Amino acid sequence: MAVVKKTISIPEDIYRDTQKFSKNFSKTVVESLEEYVKKKKREHLLCLAGELEDFEDGREFIENIRKEDKKANMERAENWDI
């Protein structure tokens, strides 16, 4: 996987709070961005869900998203490096 180096500006209090929970700031930023992208993809899919005819039932779709979220939260909790 290619790596991109970027300079970002964040509030100092957020940086200090992050340091309390993780010693690897870059990893934390990557995880946060991955979660952000997943959230935006889900939002996009939810917008499209009503337009697709051959798509699973709306309830089933929402339930599957909830299961994925629960699984992701459990995996994230297991990987906390406190």
Protein backbone atom coordinates (compact mmCIF):
# COMPACT_ATOMS: atom_id res chain seq x y z
CA MET A 1 0.00 0.00 0.00
CA ALA A 2 1.34 3.41 -0.95
CA VAL A 3 1.73 5.99 1.78
CA VAL A 4 0.93 9.68 1.39
CA LYS A 5 2.43 12.23 3.74
CA LYS A 6 0.25 15.25 4.47
CA THR A 7 0.50 18.09 6.92
CA ILE A 8 -2.72 18.69 8.82
CA SER A 9 -3.81 21.14 11.47
CA ILE A 10 -5.89 19.86 14.36
CA PRO A 11 -6.87 21.40 17.69
CA GLU A 12 -4.27 20.75 20.36
CA ASP A 13 -6.83 19.37 22.83
CA ILE A 14 -7.89 16.69 20.36
CA TYR A 15 -4.26 15.71 19.80
CA ARG A 16 -3.61 15.48 23.56
CA ASP A 17 -6.76 13.43 24.13
CA THR A 18 -5.73 11.09 21.34
CA GLN A 19 -2.32 10.58 22.94
CA LYS A 20 -4.03 9.35 26.10
CA PHE A 21 -5.56 6.43 24.19
CA SER A 22 -2.96 5.64 21.55
CA LYS A 23 0.78 5.88 21.23
CA ASN A 24 0.58 5.66 17.43
CA PHE A 25 -1.04 8.87 16.20
CA SER A 26 -0.73 7.98 12.50
CA LYS A 27 -2.56 4.69 13.07
CA THR A 28 -5.30 6.53 14.93
CA VAL A 29 -5.73 9.02 12.10
CA VAL A 30 -5.86 6.19 9.53
CA GLU A 31 -8.51 4.32 11.57
CA SER A 32 -10.54 7.52 11.93
CA LEU A 33 -10.40 8.23 8.22
CA GLU A 34 -11.37 4.65 7.41
CA GLU A 35 -14.42 4.98 9.65
CA TYR A 36 -15.29 8.31 8.03
CA VAL A 37 -15.10 6.80 4.53
CA LYS A 38 -17.23 3.80 5.60
CA LYS A 39 -19.84 6.16 7.07
CA LYS A 40 -19.99 8.26 3.90
CA LYS A 41 -20.26 5.14 1.71
CA ARG A 42 -23.14 3.86 3.85
CA GLU A 43 -24.89 7.22 3.63
CA HIS A 44 -24.49 7.13 -0.14
CA LEU A 45 -25.85 3.56 -0.30
CA LEU A 46 -28.81 4.51 1.87
CA CYS A 47 -29.61 7.30 -0.56
CA LEU A 48 -29.46 4.84 -3.45
CA ALA A 49 -31.35 2.04 -1.66
CA GLY A 50 -34.75 3.50 -2.50
CA GLU A 51 -33.84 3.77 -6.17
CA LEU A 52 -32.69 0.20 -6.72
CA GLU A 53 -35.38 -2.32 -7.68
CA ASP A 54 -33.44 -5.57 -7.28
CA PHE A 55 -32.06 -4.66 -3.89
CA GLU A 56 -32.66 -6.43 -0.60
CA ASP A 57 -35.57 -5.39 1.62
CA GLY A 58 -34.99 -2.05 3.37
CA ARG A 59 -35.21 -3.62 6.83
CA GLU A 60 -32.75 -6.30 5.85
CA PHE A 61 -30.39 -3.67 4.44
CA ILE A 62 -30.49 -1.61 7.65
CA GLU A 63 -30.04 -4.72 9.80
CA ASN A 64 -26.98 -5.72 7.78
CA ILE A 65 -25.48 -2.26 8.25
CA ARG A 66 -26.13 -2.48 12.00
CA LYS A 67 -24.43 -5.88 12.16
CA GLU A 68 -21.41 -4.50 10.29
CA ASP A 69 -21.25 -1.53 12.66
CA LYS A 70 -21.44 -3.78 15.71
CA LYS A 71 -18.70 -6.03 14.32
CA ALA A 72 -16.48 -3.01 13.52
CA ASN A 73 -17.00 -1.60 17.03
CA MET A 74 -16.06 -4.92 18.61
CA GLU A 75 -12.92 -5.19 16.45
CA ARG A 76 -11.95 -1.61 17.27
CA ALA A 77 -12.39 -2.26 21.00
CA GLU A 78 -10.16 -5.34 20.76
CA ASN A 79 -7.40 -3.33 19.05
CA TRP A 80 -7.23 -0.41 21.44
CA ASP A 81 -3.62 0.09 22.45
CA ILE A 82 -3.98 1.78 25.81
